[in-house]
Amino acid sequence: MPEGLRLDTPCLEDGAAIWRIARDSEVLDLNSSYSYLLWCRDFAATSAVARSAGGEPVGFVTGYIRPERPRTLVIWQIAVDREQRGRGLAAALLDGLVERTAREPGVDEVETTITADNAPSNRLFASFAERHGARVEREDLFAAEMFPDTGHETEVLHRIGPIVV
């Protein structure tokens, strides 16, 4: 974790800040503010926030355990405040969350979807796999034409594992 920051479990009060970080990223699909509040309540155990010295969230990663694959952590979104970018915070958030979920509930695989044009996320997850000595399998999961809104690219599933922490 970059100096001056700490990894924490999100709480309900973090929902608004997480929504703002997602909005200000300008690359994430922004969900409703209500959904970020629910995420902080219902999926806090499989999510993480990076906090500044003052306790304010400056980055987050949201995830959930896939019901059909209970040892698989699905990473939903990851974003870092503009002022904190370039410090390795996204990688630290991802590593910290996977380390925590590897202990309980025993995660040994990560899944996420990334569009082909999202170079930063593709690099983040490729370097994550490399750090953990894991293989990466990729396949198209949601074709562009499946999305009701126009202009959405195909989401490529990245299945990373087995993870050793």
C-alpha atoms as a PDB file:
ATOM      1  CA  MET A   1       0.000   0.000   0.000  1.00  0.00           C
ATOM      2  CA  PRO A   2       1.431   3.418  -0.907  1.00  0.00           C
ATOM      3  CA  GLU A   3       2.709   5.400   2.052  1.00  0.00           C
ATOM      4  CA  GLY A   4       0.099   7.404   3.931  1.00  0.00           C
ATOM      5  CA  LEU A   5      -2.763   5.155   2.822  1.00  0.00           C
ATOM      6  CA  ARG A   6      -4.369   2.141   4.435  1.00  0.00           C
ATOM      7  CA  LEU A   7      -6.512  -0.698   3.151  1.00  0.00           C
ATOM      8  CA  ASP A   8      -9.896  -1.078   4.813  1.00  0.00           C
ATOM      9  CA  THR A   9     -13.296  -2.701   4.439  1.00  0.00           C
ATOM     10  CA  PRO A  10     -15.882  -0.244   3.132  1.00  0.00           C
ATOM     11  CA  CYS A  11     -18.708   0.876   5.382  1.00  0.00           C
ATOM     12  CA  LEU A  12     -22.093   2.306   4.449  1.00  0.00           C
ATOM     13  CA  GLU A  13     -20.838   5.869   4.886  1.00  0.00           C
ATOM     14  CA  ASP A  14     -18.262   5.266   2.105  1.00  0.00           C
ATOM     15  CA  GLY A  15     -20.920   4.757  -0.581  1.00  0.00           C
ATOM     16  CA  ALA A  16     -21.108   8.400  -1.665  1.00  0.00           C
ATOM     17  CA  ALA A  17     -17.318   8.775  -1.910  1.00  0.00           C
ATOM     18  CA  ILE A  18     -17.009   5.529  -3.878  1.00  0.00           C
ATOM     19  CA  TRP A  19     -19.727   6.721  -6.272  1.00  0.00           C
ATOM     20  CA  ARG A  20     -17.817  10.018  -6.775  1.00  0.00           C
ATOM     21  CA  ILE A  21     -14.541   8.178  -7.450  1.00  0.00           C
ATOM     22  CA  ALA A  22     -16.313   5.957 -10.011  1.00  0.00           C
ATOM     23  CA  ARG A  23     -17.960   8.998 -11.645  1.00  0.00           C
ATOM     24  CA  ASP A  24     -14.731  10.970 -11.771  1.00  0.00           C
ATOM     25  CA  SER A  25     -12.804   8.051 -13.289  1.00  0.00           C
ATOM     26  CA  GLU A  26     -14.531   8.851 -16.600  1.00  0.00           C
ATOM     27  CA  VAL A  27     -13.996   5.257 -17.736  1.00  0.00           C
ATOM     28  CA  LEU A  28     -16.168   3.095 -15.487  1.00  0.00           C
ATOM     29  CA  ASP A  29     -19.787   2.351 -16.215  1.00  0.00           C
ATOM     30  CA  LEU A  30     -21.330   4.519 -13.503  1.00  0.00           C
ATOM     31  CA  ASN A  31     -23.987   2.763 -11.456  1.00  0.00           C
ATOM     32  CA  SER A  32     -26.604   4.617  -9.422  1.00  0.00           C
ATOM     33  CA  SER A  33     -25.484   6.115  -6.114  1.00  0.00           C
ATOM     34  CA  TYR A  34     -27.983   3.757  -4.490  1.00  0.00           C
ATOM     35  CA  SER A  35     -26.098   0.739  -5.855  1.00  0.00           C
ATOM     36  CA  TYR A  36     -22.813   1.906  -4.281  1.00  0.00           C
ATOM     37  CA  LEU A  37     -24.563   2.239  -0.920  1.00  0.00           C
ATOM     38  CA  LEU A  38     -25.923  -1.307  -1.298  1.00  0.00           C
ATOM     39  CA  TRP A  39     -22.475  -2.519  -2.317  1.00  0.00           C
ATOM     40  CA  CYS A  40     -20.966  -1.078   0.866  1.00  0.00           C
ATOM     41  CA  ARG A  41     -23.644  -2.814   2.921  1.00  0.00           C
ATOM     42  CA  ASP A  42     -24.043  -6.185   1.212  1.00  0.00           C
ATOM     43  CA  PHE A  43     -20.635  -6.830  -0.371  1.00  0.00           C
ATOM     44  CA  ALA A  44     -18.250  -5.091   2.036  1.00  0.00           C
ATOM     45  CA  ALA A  45     -16.507  -8.379   2.882  1.00  0.00           C
ATOM     46  CA  THR A  46     -15.524  -8.827  -0.767  1.00  0.00           C
ATOM     47  CA  SER A  47     -14.650  -5.196  -1.431  1.00  0.00           C
ATOM     48  CA  ALA A  48     -11.963  -2.801  -0.203  1.00  0.00           C
ATOM     49  CA  VAL A  49     -11.237   0.897   0.069  1.00  0.00           C
ATOM     50  CA  ALA A  50      -7.960   2.745   0.343  1.00  0.00           C
ATOM     51  CA  ARG A  51      -8.162   5.490   2.930  1.00  0.00           C
ATOM     52  CA  SER A  52      -6.134   8.666   3.263  1.00  0.00           C
ATOM     53  CA  ALA A  53      -4.596   9.638   6.591  1.00  0.00           C
ATOM     54  CA  GLY A  54      -7.833  11.551   7.244  1.00  0.00           C
ATOM     55  CA  GLY A  55      -9.928   8.420   6.679  1.00  0.00           C
ATOM     56  CA  GLU A  56     -11.455   9.489   3.360  1.00  0.00           C
ATOM     57  CA  PRO A  57     -11.711   6.865   0.574  1.00  0.00           C
ATOM     58  CA  VAL A  58      -9.253   7.581  -2.269  1.00  0.00           C
ATOM     59  CA  GLY A  59      -9.682   4.313  -4.148  1.00  0.00           C
ATOM     60  CA  PHE A  60     -11.844   1.224  -4.123  1.00  0.00           C
ATOM     61  CA  VAL A  61     -12.322  -2.241  -5.506  1.00  0.00           C
ATOM     62  CA  THR A  62     -15.713  -3.952  -5.453  1.00  0.00           C
ATOM     63  CA  GLY A  63     -16.206  -7.657  -5.826  1.00  0.00           C
ATOM     64  CA  TYR A  64     -18.434 -10.577  -4.984  1.00  0.00           C
ATOM     65  CA  ILE A  65     -18.166 -14.345  -4.664  1.00  0.00           C
ATOM     66  CA  ARG A  66     -19.649 -16.014  -7.718  1.00  0.00           C
ATOM     67  CA  PRO A  67     -22.560 -18.200  -6.495  1.00  0.00           C
ATOM     68  CA  GLU A  68     -21.857 -21.042  -8.945  1.00  0.00           C
ATOM     69  CA  ARG A  69     -18.106 -20.961  -8.196  1.00  0.00           C
ATOM     70  CA  PRO A  70     -17.684 -20.213  -4.477  1.00  0.00           C
ATOM     71  CA  ARG A  71     -13.871 -20.036  -4.711  1.00  0.00           C
ATOM     72  CA  THR A  72     -14.066 -17.332  -7.411  1.00  0.00           C
ATOM     73  CA  LEU A  73     -13.941 -13.631  -6.610  1.00  0.00           C
ATOM     74  CA  VAL A  74     -15.501 -11.511  -9.352  1.00  0.00           C
ATOM     75  CA  ILE A  75     -14.027  -8.029  -9.491  1.00  0.00           C
ATOM     76  CA  TRP A  76     -16.799  -5.630 -10.432  1.00  0.00           C
ATOM     77  CA  GLN A  77     -15.037  -2.258 -10.431  1.00  0.00           C
ATOM     78  CA  ILE A  78     -11.737  -0.742  -9.381  1.00  0.00           C
ATOM     79  CA  ALA A  79     -10.906   2.957  -9.408  1.00  0.00           C
ATOM     80  CA  VAL A  80      -8.461   5.388  -7.870  1.00  0.00           C
ATOM     81  CA  ASP A  81      -8.875   9.108  -7.185  1.00  0.00           C
ATOM     82  CA  ARG A  82      -7.109  11.190  -9.830  1.00  0.00           C
ATOM     83  CA  GLU A  83      -4.605  12.620  -7.298  1.00  0.00           C
ATOM     84  CA  GLN A  84      -3.561   9.106  -6.212  1.00  0.00           C
ATOM     85  CA  ARG A  85      -2.972   7.602  -9.666  1.00  0.00           C
ATOM     86  CA  GLY A  86       0.466   6.365 -10.668  1.00  0.00           C
ATOM     87  CA  ARG A  87       1.381   5.154  -7.164  1.00  0.00           C
ATOM     88  CA  GLY A  88       0.444   1.484  -7.569  1.00  0.00           C
ATOM     89  CA  LEU A  89      -2.746   1.892  -5.557  1.00  0.00           C
ATOM     90  CA  ALA A  90      -5.007  -0.125  -7.885  1.00  0.00           C
ATOM     91  CA  ALA A  91      -2.587  -3.074  -7.705  1.00  0.00           C
ATOM     92  CA  ALA A  92      -2.338  -2.741  -3.906  1.00  0.00           C
ATOM     93  CA  LEU A  93      -6.137  -2.696  -3.585  1.00  0.00           C
ATOM     94  CA  LEU A  94      -6.486  -5.782  -5.774  1.00  0.00           C
ATOM     95  CA  ASP A  95      -3.690  -7.679  -4.002  1.00  0.00           C
ATOM     96  CA  GLY A  96      -5.021  -6.761  -0.557  1.00  0.00           C
ATOM     97  CA  LEU A  97      -8.577  -7.802  -1.334  1.00  0.00           C
ATOM     98  CA  VAL A  98      -7.516 -11.113  -2.895  1.00  0.00           C
ATOM     99  CA  GLU A  99      -5.233 -11.855   0.064  1.00  0.00           C
ATOM    100  CA  ARG A 100      -8.121 -11.219   2.479  1.00  0.00           C
ATOM    101  CA  THR A 101     -10.617 -13.335   0.525  1.00  0.00           C
ATOM    102  CA  ALA A 102      -8.077 -16.128   0.006  1.00  0.00           C
ATOM    103  CA  ARG A 103      -8.090 -16.645   3.768  1.00  0.00           C
ATOM    104  CA  GLU A 104     -11.865 -16.497   4.131  1.00  0.00           C
ATOM    105  CA  PRO A 105     -13.880 -17.659   2.174  1.00  0.00           C
ATOM    106  CA  GLY A 106     -10.992 -19.421   0.412  1.00  0.00           C
ATOM    107  CA  VAL A 107     -10.810 -17.693  -2.967  1.00  0.00           C
ATOM    108  CA  ASP A 108      -8.264 -19.126  -5.407  1.00  0.00           C
ATOM    109  CA  GLU A 109      -9.513 -17.625  -8.667  1.00  0.00           C
ATOM    110  CA  VAL A 110     -10.363 -14.106  -9.870  1.00  0.00           C
ATOM    111  CA  GLU A 111     -12.684 -13.179 -12.699  1.00  0.00           C
ATOM    112  CA  THR A 112     -13.292  -9.792 -14.242  1.00  0.00           C
ATOM    113  CA  THR A 113     -14.486  -8.425 -17.546  1.00  0.00           C
ATOM    114  CA  ILE A 114     -12.562  -5.809 -19.493  1.00  0.00           C
ATOM    115  CA  THR A 115     -13.130  -4.238 -22.873  1.00  0.00           C
ATOM    116  CA  ALA A 116     -10.283  -4.625 -25.362  1.00  0.00           C
ATOM    117  CA  ASP A 117      -9.721  -0.856 -25.499  1.00  0.00           C
ATOM    118  CA  ASN A 118      -9.209  -0.509 -21.719  1.00  0.00           C
ATOM    119  CA  ALA A 119      -5.404  -0.714 -21.704  1.00  0.00           C
ATOM    120  CA  PRO A 120      -4.919   0.287 -18.029  1.00  0.00           C
ATOM    121  CA  SER A 121      -7.243  -2.470 -16.753  1.00  0.00           C
ATOM    122  CA  ASN A 122      -5.770  -5.027 -19.127  1.00  0.00           C
ATOM    123  CA  ARG A 123      -2.275  -4.166 -17.786  1.00  0.00           C
ATOM    124  CA  LEU A 124      -3.474  -4.210 -14.158  1.00  0.00           C
ATOM    125  CA  PHE A 125      -4.925  -7.704 -14.363  1.00  0.00           C
ATOM    126  CA  ALA A 126      -2.088  -9.108 -16.488  1.00  0.00           C
ATOM    127  CA  SER A 127       0.447  -7.860 -13.931  1.00  0.00           C
ATOM    128  CA  PHE A 128      -1.718  -9.238 -11.108  1.00  0.00           C
ATOM    129  CA  ALA A 129      -1.628 -12.690 -12.723  1.00  0.00           C
ATOM    130  CA  GLU A 130       2.127 -12.434 -13.218  1.00  0.00           C
ATOM    131  CA  ARG A 131       2.742 -11.410  -9.566  1.00  0.00           C
ATOM    132  CA  HIS A 132       0.738 -14.414  -8.397  1.00  0.00           C
ATOM    133  CA  GLY A 133       2.107 -16.918 -10.900  1.00  0.00           C
ATOM    134  CA  ALA A 134      -1.387 -17.538 -12.246  1.00  0.00           C
ATOM    135  CA  ARG A 135      -2.561 -18.298 -15.746  1.00  0.00           C
ATOM    136  CA  VAL A 136      -5.054 -16.075 -17.547  1.00  0.00           C
ATOM    137  CA  GLU A 137      -7.811 -17.446 -19.749  1.00  0.00           C
ATOM    138  CA  ARG A 138      -9.754 -14.969 -21.877  1.00  0.00           C
ATOM    139  CA  GLU A 139     -13.024 -15.328 -23.755  1.00  0.00           C
ATOM    140  CA  ASP A 140     -15.721 -12.967 -24.966  1.00  0.00           C
ATOM    141  CA  LEU A 141     -18.482 -12.973 -22.373  1.00  0.00           C
ATOM    142  CA  PHE A 142     -20.881 -10.176 -23.294  1.00  0.00           C
ATOM    143  CA  ALA A 143     -20.890  -9.246 -26.983  1.00  0.00           C
ATOM    144  CA  ALA A 144     -21.441  -5.585 -27.837  1.00  0.00           C
ATOM    145  CA  GLU A 145     -24.832  -6.333 -29.394  1.00  0.00           C
ATOM    146  CA  MET A 146     -26.079  -7.789 -26.094  1.00  0.00           C
ATOM    147  CA  PHE A 147     -26.068  -4.340 -24.475  1.00  0.00           C
ATOM    148  CA  PRO A 148     -29.269  -2.310 -24.861  1.00  0.00           C
ATOM    149  CA  ASP A 149     -27.312   0.960 -24.859  1.00  0.00           C
ATOM    150  CA  THR A 150     -25.327   1.715 -27.989  1.00  0.00           C
ATOM    151  CA  GLY A 151     -21.591   2.096 -28.107  1.00  0.00           C
ATOM    152  CA  HIS A 152     -20.713  -0.517 -25.492  1.00  0.00           C
ATOM    153  CA  GLU A 153     -17.762  -2.686 -26.442  1.00  0.00           C
ATOM    154  CA  THR A 154     -17.614  -6.460 -25.971  1.00  0.00           C
ATOM    155  CA  GLU A 155     -16.697  -7.407 -22.406  1.00  0.00           C
ATOM    156  CA  VAL A 156     -13.919 -10.000 -22.340  1.00  0.00           C
ATOM    157  CA  LEU A 157     -13.892 -12.378 -19.376  1.00  0.00           C
ATOM    158  CA  HIS A 158     -10.484 -12.755 -17.732  1.00  0.00           C
ATOM    159  CA  ARG A 159     -10.294 -15.839 -15.540  1.00  0.00           C
ATOM    160  CA  ILE A 160      -7.108 -15.743 -13.427  1.00  0.00           C
ATOM    161  CA  GLY A 161      -5.968 -18.670 -11.312  1.00  0.00           C
ATOM    162  CA  PRO A 162      -5.090 -20.573  -9.437  1.00  0.00           C
ATOM    163  CA  ILE A 163      -4.028 -17.745  -7.140  1.00  0.00           C
ATOM    164  CA  VAL A 164      -1.350 -18.324  -4.558  1.00  0.00           C
ATOM    165  CA  VAL A 165      -0.942 -15.614  -1.895  1.00  0.00           C
END
